[in-house]
Amino acid sequence: GVVAFHQQRMVLAATPAAPQAFYMSRTGDFENFRKSRPLQDDDPVEYLIASGSIDAITWAASFGDLLLGTSGSEYKAGGGDGAAITPNSVSITAQSYWGSAGLAPIIIGNSILHVQRHGARVRDLFYSLEKDGYAGNDLSILAPHLFEGHSLKQWAYQQTPGSTIWIARDDGLLLAFTYMKEHDIWGWSRQITDGRVRSVAALSGQDSDVLLLVVEREIQGETRFFLERLGDQWQDAAPVAEAFFVDCGLTFRRETPSTRVSGLEHLEGRALSVLADGSPVEGCVVRDGVIELPYPASVVQAGLGFVSALSPLPLESDTQSGSTLGRGRSHGRCTLRLHRSVGGKYGPGRDELYDLPFLPERWGTAVAPFSGDVDCIPGGGQSSAATLWLVQDRPLPFRLAALVLDVDFGEH
C-alpha cells in the first residue's frame, strides 16, 4: 500500500496481512529481499510497529530519518545515534499522535506536510531542537470552514512561483495554500471555477513549475473533462494585452487584427469573458466555435469568466471605552495600494459595488496598468459586521499590496 526510498533501499509498507509492518530491500538492490547467513548490514530489514492498536501505515517519506505516518501516530525510524538503518539496528520513536490519512505527504524545504486522519486537516512536521524530535502545527486552524464536512482527495506542490499547494477537495472545489515556513507565513484561498476540479499534478517547467488540472465542466448539457494548464504568472514587464485571467481559455495572436475568433469549439454555446488587445469585451457567445468581437484585435484572451473577491474580517480593537466587539462601525475613506492593476470594484457588500476610477490615457485604447494608492469610500450604514468588499469580475489583473481602512466606531 505504501512505497518509498530511503538510504538506497526501497521501503514497502502496509501489506494486507501486516498493515503495521514495513520492509526495506537490500542496499542498492531495490528488488532483492533475500537475507544472508550470517546477517549482513546491507541485508533487508523487516519491522512491525507495535503501538497497542492496529494503526495501518498510510505514508512513508525519507526526510533525513525515515518518517512513517499511521492512522494513529507519526513515527521516526533510524539506526540510533544518527547511524543508518540495518537489520541489527532499527530504532522507532513516536513523534506525535495526530494520525494521518492516506494522502502522500509533500516535502517543502525543511518541513513535511501531511493530511490528518479523516482527511480534513493539514499539518506540518519539522525538526525541533527544543524537542529533539519532530513537532508540527495544524495549518488549517484559521480556515475551518474550508474543511468541515469535506475531505481532501489530491494535492500538488508548485514551488515557483509563490510556493503554493493546490488541493482538490471531494466536492470539486480547488483550494490554494501558500506556505512559506522560513517567513512563518501560510494562508488559504478558494479558487472557484465553473466546474469541478477532479485531479491536480505539478510538473517542472522551463521557468517555473507547471500545474495541470483535470476539470469536469458542463458544455451544452453534456459532462466533459478537460486537461487544463494553469496560466503563467503575468510578468511586470508584460503589456496588459498579455494578461491571462480566464478559465478553460485560449490565447489567440494574429498579425492582422480581426473581429472573428475561431477555435473555441470546446466552449460551444457558452458566454465568454474576453480580453481583446488589453480591453475587456462582454456579450461574446460561442456559436459554431466562433465569437465575433465589436472591433478588430490582434491579441485575444478568451475563456470562461470568474470572479475574484476579497473581504477582510471586521476590525476589532481595544479602546479607552472598552472593546469594539459588538459595536456598530462604518467605513470612511479607505486606501488601496495596488500593483499593476486595472479595473476592480469596491463597496460595502457583494450586492452594492462601485467601479474604481480607471480611465485610459487616450480614448479608444486599453487602460494602462496602475501602481500606487487609490482612495475609496465604500459607504453603507453602521453595523457590527460592516466591512469592505473588493471584487474583480473582468479578465484583468487586480493585485492588492496593502489595505488601510478608516473605521468609525459607534457608542456602546
Protein backbone atom coordinates (compact mmCIF):
# COMPACT_ATOMS: atom_id res chain seq x y z
CA GLY A 1 0.00 0.00 0.00
CA VAL A 2 2.93 2.41 0.58
CA VAL A 3 6.22 2.68 -1.34
CA ALA A 4 9.21 4.94 -0.60
CA PHE A 5 13.01 5.03 -0.90
CA HIS A 6 15.40 5.63 2.00
CA GLN A 7 19.18 5.22 2.32
CA GLN A 8 19.38 3.43 -1.04
CA ARG A 9 16.71 0.95 -0.01
CA MET A 10 13.16 0.52 -1.29
CA VAL A 11 10.61 0.66 1.51
CA LEU A 12 7.38 -1.34 1.21
CA ALA A 13 4.69 -0.99 3.87
CA ALA A 14 1.02 -1.62 4.68
CA THR A 15 0.51 -5.07 3.18
CA PRO A 16 -2.99 -6.56 3.61
CA ALA A 17 -1.69 -9.21 6.01
CA ALA A 18 0.54 -6.86 8.04
CA PRO A 19 -0.72 -3.24 7.77
CA GLN A 20 1.62 -2.11 10.59
CA ALA A 21 4.81 -3.60 9.12
CA PHE A 22 7.37 -2.16 6.74
CA TYR A 23 10.07 -3.93 4.71
CA MET A 24 13.32 -2.49 3.34
CA SER A 25 15.24 -4.06 0.45
CA ARG A 26 18.96 -4.76 0.31
CA THR A 27 21.10 -1.62 -0.04
CA GLY A 28 21.36 -0.61 -3.70
CA ASP A 29 19.27 -3.60 -4.89
CA PHE A 30 15.67 -2.45 -4.71
CA GLU A 31 14.00 -5.74 -5.69
CA ASN A 32 16.17 -8.01 -3.56
CA PHE A 33 14.74 -9.07 -0.18
CA ARG A 34 16.93 -12.17 0.37
CA LYS A 35 18.78 -12.43 3.66
CA SER A 36 22.36 -13.60 4.16
CA ARG A 37 23.69 -16.13 6.63
CA PRO A 38 25.22 -14.74 8.76
CA LEU A 39 23.26 -11.49 8.65
CA GLN A 40 24.99 -8.53 6.95
CA ASP A 41 24.43 -4.78 7.45
CA ASP A 42 23.17 -4.38 3.87
CA ASP A 43 20.57 -7.17 4.25
CA PRO A 44 16.85 -6.40 4.04
CA VAL A 45 15.00 -5.08 7.10
CA GLU A 46 11.62 -6.16 8.41
CA TYR A 47 9.92 -4.30 11.25
CA LEU A 48 6.46 -4.44 12.84
CA ILE A 49 5.34 -1.25 14.63
CA ALA A 50 3.81 -2.29 17.96
CA SER A 51 1.67 0.65 19.05
CA GLY A 52 -1.00 -1.00 21.18
CA SER A 53 -3.62 -0.60 18.46
CA ILE A 54 -3.98 -1.66 14.84
CA ASP A 55 -2.85 1.51 13.02
CA ALA A 56 -2.09 0.87 9.37
CA ILE A 57 0.86 2.70 7.82
CA THR A 58 -0.55 5.36 5.47
CA TRP A 59 2.63 7.06 4.19
CA ALA A 60 6.42 6.92 4.34
CA ALA A 61 8.94 9.61 3.47
CA SER A 62 12.72 9.93 3.52
CA PHE A 63 13.43 13.16 5.41
CA GLY A 64 16.88 12.68 6.93
CA ASP A 65 15.24 9.97 9.01
CA LEU A 66 12.59 7.63 7.68
CA LEU A 67 9.28 9.15 8.71
CA LEU A 68 6.22 6.90 8.87
CA GLY A 69 2.63 8.01 9.21
CA THR A 70 -0.03 5.66 10.53
CA SER A 71 -3.73 6.13 11.12
CA GLY A 72 -2.99 6.92 14.77
CA SER A 73 0.59 8.24 15.07
CA GLU A 74 3.66 9.58 13.31
CA TYR A 75 7.00 7.79 13.79
CA LYS A 76 10.68 8.38 13.15
CA ALA A 77 12.76 5.37 12.13
CA GLY A 78 16.54 5.47 12.37
CA GLY A 79 19.59 3.42 13.20
CA GLY A 80 20.25 5.15 16.51
CA ASP A 81 22.81 7.94 17.14
CA GLY A 82 22.47 9.11 13.55
CA ALA A 83 23.57 5.78 12.08
CA ALA A 84 21.98 4.10 9.08
CA ILE A 85 19.22 1.54 9.50
CA THR A 86 20.48 -2.05 9.50
CA PRO A 87 18.81 -5.38 10.32
CA ASN A 88 20.51 -5.29 13.74
CA SER A 89 19.91 -1.60 14.43
CA VAL A 90 16.42 -0.14 13.98
CA SER A 91 15.01 2.46 16.34
CA ILE A 92 11.33 3.53 16.04
CA THR A 93 10.24 6.59 18.03
CA ALA A 94 6.76 8.14 18.08
CA GLN A 95 6.82 11.87 17.24
CA SER A 96 3.12 12.76 17.53
CA TYR A 97 -0.27 11.14 17.86
CA TRP A 98 -2.44 13.01 15.40
CA GLY A 99 -2.87 10.24 12.85
CA SER A 100 -2.60 10.54 9.09
CA ALA A 101 -4.86 9.99 6.11
CA GLY A 102 -3.74 8.06 3.07
CA LEU A 103 -2.66 11.08 1.01
CA ALA A 104 1.06 11.05 0.14
CA PRO A 105 2.98 13.73 2.11
CA ILE A 106 4.60 16.77 0.50
CA ILE A 107 8.13 17.87 1.45
CA ILE A 108 8.67 21.64 1.34
CA GLY A 109 12.09 22.92 2.39
CA ASN A 110 12.67 21.74 5.94
CA SER A 111 9.07 20.69 6.59
CA ILE A 112 6.86 17.80 5.59
CA LEU A 113 3.11 18.31 5.21
CA HIS A 114 0.55 15.56 5.70
CA VAL A 115 -3.22 15.30 5.96
CA GLN A 116 -4.58 14.43 9.39
CA ARG A 117 -6.74 11.37 9.99
CA HIS A 118 -10.20 11.53 8.33
CA GLY A 119 -8.70 13.72 5.60
CA ALA A 120 -9.92 17.10 6.80
CA ARG A 121 -6.89 18.84 8.36
CA VAL A 122 -3.41 19.74 7.10
CA ARG A 123 -0.45 19.55 9.47
CA ASP A 124 3.30 20.05 9.07
CA LEU A 125 6.25 18.28 10.68
CA PHE A 126 9.66 19.86 11.16
CA TYR A 127 12.67 19.11 13.33
CA SER A 128 12.67 20.97 16.65
CA LEU A 129 15.86 21.37 18.67
CA GLU A 130 13.84 22.01 21.84
CA LYS A 131 12.01 18.72 21.49
CA ASP A 132 14.97 16.89 19.90
CA GLY A 133 12.40 15.45 17.54
CA TYR A 134 9.68 16.44 15.12
CA ALA A 135 6.98 18.96 16.00
CA GLY A 136 4.18 20.43 13.92
CA ASN A 137 1.19 22.72 13.64
CA ASP A 138 -2.38 22.50 12.43
CA LEU A 139 -2.18 24.68 9.32
CA SER A 140 -5.93 24.68 8.71
CA ILE A 141 -6.93 26.05 12.12
CA LEU A 142 -7.62 29.57 10.78
CA ALA A 143 -9.85 28.39 7.92
CA PRO A 144 -12.08 25.64 9.38
CA HIS A 145 -14.96 26.48 7.04
CA LEU A 146 -12.92 25.12 4.12
CA PHE A 147 -12.67 21.64 5.66
CA GLU A 148 -15.76 20.93 7.78
CA GLY A 149 -17.77 18.17 6.16
CA HIS A 150 -15.19 17.63 3.41
CA SER A 151 -12.09 15.58 2.69
CA LEU A 152 -9.00 16.30 0.59
CA LYS A 153 -8.64 13.96 -2.38
CA GLN A 154 -5.40 15.04 -4.06
CA TRP A 155 -2.75 17.72 -3.81
CA ALA A 156 0.27 19.01 -5.69
CA TYR A 157 3.07 21.42 -4.76
CA GLN A 158 4.01 24.26 -7.11
CA GLN A 159 7.31 25.59 -5.77
CA THR A 160 7.60 28.51 -8.19
CA PRO A 161 6.05 30.94 -8.37
CA GLY A 162 4.62 31.51 -4.91
CA SER A 163 5.25 28.24 -3.03
CA THR A 164 1.64 27.08 -3.34
CA ILE A 165 -0.03 23.75 -2.63
CA TRP A 166 -3.09 23.11 -4.82
CA ILE A 167 -5.68 20.77 -3.32
CA ALA A 168 -8.68 19.11 -4.94
CA ARG A 169 -11.50 18.82 -2.40
CA ASP A 170 -14.03 15.98 -2.54
CA ASP A 171 -16.75 18.25 -3.98
CA GLY A 172 -14.50 19.53 -6.79
CA LEU A 173 -13.52 22.85 -5.20
CA LEU A 174 -9.89 23.85 -5.72
CA LEU A 175 -8.04 25.14 -2.65
CA ALA A 176 -4.78 27.09 -2.82
CA PHE A 177 -2.47 27.04 0.20
CA THR A 178 0.52 29.38 0.28
CA TYR A 179 3.20 28.02 2.64
CA MET A 180 6.46 29.81 3.45
CA LYS A 181 7.86 28.27 6.62
CA GLU A 182 11.01 30.42 6.72
CA HIS A 183 8.82 33.55 7.00
CA ASP A 184 6.18 31.87 9.19
CA ILE A 185 3.55 32.66 6.54
CA TRP A 186 0.67 30.48 5.41
CA GLY A 187 -2.74 31.30 4.01
CA TRP A 188 -5.71 29.62 2.34
CA SER A 189 -7.95 30.69 -0.54
CA ARG A 190 -10.72 29.15 -2.64
CA GLN A 191 -10.41 29.01 -6.42
CA ILE A 192 -13.98 28.87 -7.71
CA THR A 193 -14.47 27.90 -11.35
CA ASP A 194 -17.49 26.92 -13.43
CA GLY A 195 -16.92 23.21 -12.93
CA ARG A 196 -15.34 20.69 -10.58
CA VAL A 197 -11.61 20.03 -10.22
CA ARG A 198 -11.08 16.28 -10.05
CA SER A 199 -7.28 15.95 -10.15
CA VAL A 200 -4.15 18.09 -9.79
CA ALA A 201 -0.48 17.48 -10.62
CA ALA A 202 2.65 19.65 -10.75
CA LEU A 203 5.48 19.23 -13.26
CA SER A 204 8.77 21.08 -13.59
CA GLY A 205 8.63 23.56 -16.47
CA GLN A 206 11.25 25.67 -18.19
CA ASP A 207 10.96 28.76 -15.96
CA SER A 208 8.62 27.59 -13.19
CA ASP A 209 6.56 24.64 -12.05
CA VAL A 210 3.52 23.87 -14.19
CA LEU A 211 0.20 22.95 -12.60
CA LEU A 212 -2.07 20.59 -14.53
CA LEU A 213 -5.72 20.02 -13.63
CA VAL A 214 -8.48 17.70 -14.75
CA VAL A 215 -11.69 19.73 -14.62
CA GLU A 216 -15.24 18.47 -15.08
CA ARG A 217 -17.44 21.02 -16.88
CA GLU A 218 -20.94 21.11 -18.35
CA ILE A 219 -20.98 22.08 -22.04
CA GLN A 220 -24.42 22.19 -23.72
CA GLY A 221 -25.82 19.80 -21.14
CA GLU A 222 -23.00 17.31 -21.63
CA THR A 223 -20.41 16.47 -18.97
CA ARG A 224 -16.91 16.83 -20.35
CA PHE A 225 -13.46 16.50 -18.79
CA PHE A 226 -10.71 18.98 -19.67
CA LEU A 227 -6.98 18.72 -19.10
CA GLU A 228 -6.05 22.31 -18.31
CA ARG A 229 -2.79 24.08 -17.52
CA LEU A 230 -2.61 26.92 -15.03
CA GLY A 231 -1.63 30.08 -16.88
CA ASP A 232 1.79 31.58 -16.33
CA GLN A 233 2.05 34.42 -13.86
CA TRP A 234 1.64 37.79 -15.55
CA GLN A 235 5.07 39.42 -15.59
CA ASP A 236 5.72 43.02 -14.54
CA ALA A 237 7.25 43.82 -17.93
CA ALA A 238 4.37 42.34 -19.93
CA PRO A 239 1.71 44.59 -21.52
CA VAL A 240 -1.89 44.39 -20.33
CA ALA A 241 -2.88 42.66 -23.58
CA GLU A 242 -0.90 39.59 -22.41
CA ALA A 243 -2.80 39.32 -19.11
CA PHE A 244 -4.49 35.89 -18.99
CA PHE A 245 -7.29 35.86 -16.41
CA VAL A 246 -9.86 33.40 -17.75
CA ASP A 247 -10.67 29.73 -17.12
CA CYS A 248 -10.56 26.98 -19.74
CA GLY A 249 -9.37 29.63 -22.18
CA LEU A 250 -7.07 30.10 -25.14
CA THR A 251 -4.76 32.86 -26.37
CA PHE A 252 -5.03 33.99 -30.00
CA ARG A 253 -2.33 36.08 -31.70
CA ARG A 254 -2.79 37.34 -35.26
CA GLU A 255 -0.55 39.50 -37.40
CA THR A 256 -3.61 41.15 -38.93
CA PRO A 257 -6.30 42.38 -36.48
CA SER A 258 -9.67 40.69 -36.98
CA THR A 259 -13.12 40.67 -35.37
CA ARG A 260 -13.56 36.91 -35.89
CA VAL A 261 -12.04 34.47 -33.41
CA SER A 262 -12.36 30.75 -34.21
CA GLY A 263 -11.12 27.59 -32.47
CA LEU A 264 -13.43 27.72 -29.42
CA GLU A 265 -15.43 24.54 -30.11
CA HIS A 266 -14.68 23.25 -26.60
CA LEU A 267 -16.85 26.07 -25.18
CA GLU A 268 -19.72 25.85 -27.65
CA GLY A 269 -22.78 27.80 -26.53
CA ARG A 270 -21.07 29.42 -23.54
CA ALA A 271 -20.86 33.15 -22.83
CA LEU A 272 -17.18 34.04 -22.59
CA SER A 273 -15.03 36.56 -20.82
CA VAL A 274 -12.77 38.16 -23.43
CA LEU A 275 -9.77 40.48 -23.33
CA ALA A 276 -9.07 41.95 -26.77
CA ASP A 277 -5.86 43.97 -27.09
CA GLY A 278 -5.99 44.74 -23.37
CA SER A 279 -9.65 45.83 -23.16
CA PRO A 280 -12.46 43.63 -21.75
CA VAL A 281 -15.28 42.63 -24.09
CA GLU A 282 -18.67 41.39 -22.88
CA GLY A 283 -21.51 39.58 -24.60
CA CYS A 284 -19.45 37.14 -26.69
CA VAL A 285 -21.20 33.75 -27.10
CA VAL A 286 -19.56 30.84 -28.91
CA ARG A 287 -21.52 29.72 -31.99
CA ASP A 288 -20.01 27.01 -34.20
CA GLY A 289 -16.70 27.53 -32.38
CA VAL A 290 -16.54 31.24 -33.27
CA ILE A 291 -17.04 34.54 -31.44
CA GLU A 292 -17.40 37.97 -33.02
CA LEU A 293 -15.63 40.99 -31.47
CA PRO A 294 -17.02 44.52 -31.72
CA TYR A 295 -13.65 45.73 -33.02
CA PRO A 296 -10.63 44.07 -34.69
CA ALA A 297 -7.91 42.87 -32.31
CA SER A 298 -4.51 41.18 -32.61
CA VAL A 299 -4.12 39.56 -29.15
CA VAL A 300 -7.24 37.94 -27.71
CA GLN A 301 -7.67 36.03 -24.45
CA ALA A 302 -10.99 34.14 -24.42
CA GLY A 303 -12.42 31.72 -21.88
CA LEU A 304 -14.85 31.29 -19.01
CA GLY A 305 -15.02 34.23 -16.64
CA PHE A 306 -14.51 34.05 -12.90
CA VAL A 307 -14.87 36.50 -10.04
CA SER A 308 -12.11 37.33 -7.55
CA ALA A 309 -13.35 38.68 -4.23
CA LEU A 310 -11.65 39.86 -1.05
CA SER A 311 -13.30 40.97 2.19
CA PRO A 312 -11.36 41.35 5.47
CA LEU A 313 -12.97 40.35 8.73
CA PRO A 314 -14.49 43.24 10.72
CA LEU A 315 -11.72 45.11 12.54
CA GLU A 316 -11.67 44.96 16.32
CA SER A 317 -9.61 46.95 18.81
CA ASP A 318 -9.33 47.82 22.49
CA THR A 319 -10.07 51.49 23.17
CA GLN A 320 -10.32 53.63 26.31
CA SER A 321 -14.06 52.92 26.40
CA GLY A 322 -13.55 49.17 26.06
CA SER A 323 -13.52 46.61 23.28
CA THR A 324 -15.11 47.41 19.92
CA LEU A 325 -16.57 43.90 19.72
CA GLY A 326 -20.27 44.13 19.01
CA ARG A 327 -20.24 47.88 18.43
CA GLY A 328 -21.55 49.41 15.22
CA ARG A 329 -18.99 50.76 12.83
CA SER A 330 -18.83 52.42 9.43
CA HIS A 331 -16.03 53.00 6.95
CA GLY A 332 -14.74 56.36 5.85
CA ARG A 333 -12.00 56.95 3.32
CA CYS A 334 -10.12 53.71 2.63
CA THR A 335 -6.81 53.45 0.77
CA LEU A 336 -5.86 50.61 -1.57
CA ARG A 337 -2.23 50.17 -2.56
CA LEU A 338 -2.26 48.46 -5.95
CA HIS A 339 0.48 46.97 -8.11
CA ARG A 340 -0.03 46.96 -11.89
CA SER A 341 -3.80 46.64 -11.62
CA VAL A 342 -6.66 47.53 -13.93
CA GLY A 343 -10.34 47.80 -13.05
CA GLY A 344 -11.95 46.33 -9.98
CA LYS A 345 -14.91 47.28 -7.82
CA TYR A 346 -15.45 48.20 -4.19
CA GLY A 347 -18.40 48.54 -1.87
CA PRO A 348 -19.97 47.63 1.48
CA GLY A 349 -21.35 44.31 0.17
CA ARG A 350 -21.42 41.99 -2.83
CA ASP A 351 -24.77 43.45 -3.91
CA GLU A 352 -23.58 47.08 -3.79
CA LEU A 353 -20.38 47.66 -5.75
CA TYR A 354 -18.83 50.67 -7.48
CA ASP A 355 -16.14 50.79 -10.16
CA LEU A 356 -12.68 52.00 -9.22
CA PRO A 357 -11.89 55.14 -11.27
CA PHE A 358 -9.57 53.86 -14.00
CA LEU A 359 -9.59 55.65 -17.37
CA PRO A 360 -7.41 55.24 -20.47
CA GLU A 361 -4.86 57.90 -21.31
CA ARG A 362 -6.37 58.15 -24.79
CA TRP A 363 -9.95 57.26 -25.67
CA GLY A 364 -10.24 54.02 -27.64
CA THR A 365 -7.10 52.44 -26.17
CA ALA A 366 -6.64 49.97 -23.33
CA VAL A 367 -6.27 51.20 -19.75
CA ALA A 368 -2.62 51.02 -18.70
CA PRO A 369 -1.80 49.06 -15.51
CA PHE A 370 -1.67 51.29 -12.44
CA SER A 371 0.68 51.07 -9.46
CA GLY A 372 0.07 53.29 -6.48
CA ASP A 373 -2.60 54.29 -3.95
CA VAL A 374 -6.31 54.64 -4.71
CA ASP A 375 -8.81 56.13 -2.26
CA CYS A 376 -12.41 54.96 -2.00
CA ILE A 377 -15.37 55.45 0.34
CA PRO A 378 -17.33 52.18 0.49
CA GLY A 379 -20.39 53.72 2.16
CA GLY A 380 -23.07 51.62 3.85
CA GLY A 381 -24.65 52.21 7.23
CA GLN A 382 -23.38 51.43 10.68
CA SER A 383 -23.25 47.72 11.50
CA SER A 384 -21.28 45.47 13.83
CA ALA A 385 -20.32 43.36 10.80
CA ALA A 386 -19.52 46.24 8.41
CA THR A 387 -16.57 45.58 6.14
CA LEU A 388 -15.20 46.40 2.70
CA TRP A 389 -15.58 44.22 -0.39
CA LEU A 390 -13.09 44.29 -3.27
CA VAL A 391 -14.19 42.45 -6.41
CA GLN A 392 -12.66 41.88 -9.84
CA ASP A 393 -15.16 40.38 -12.31
CA ARG A 394 -13.34 41.28 -15.54
CA PRO A 395 -10.43 39.39 -17.18
CA LEU A 396 -7.92 41.94 -15.88
CA PRO A 397 -5.19 41.94 -13.21
CA PHE A 398 -6.04 43.17 -9.71
CA ARG A 399 -3.14 42.90 -7.26
CA LEU A 400 -3.55 44.40 -3.81
CA ALA A 401 -0.35 45.10 -1.85
CA ALA A 402 -1.86 46.87 1.19
CA LEU A 403 -5.21 47.98 2.55
CA VAL A 404 -5.76 50.82 5.05
CA LEU A 405 -9.26 51.20 6.50
CA ASP A 406 -10.66 54.31 8.21
CA VAL A 407 -13.19 52.87 10.67
CA ASP A 408 -15.56 54.96 12.78
CA PHE A 409 -16.88 53.06 15.79
CA GLY A 410 -20.22 53.97 17.35
CA GLU A 411 -21.02 54.12 21.04
CA HIS A 412 -21.93 51.07 23.13
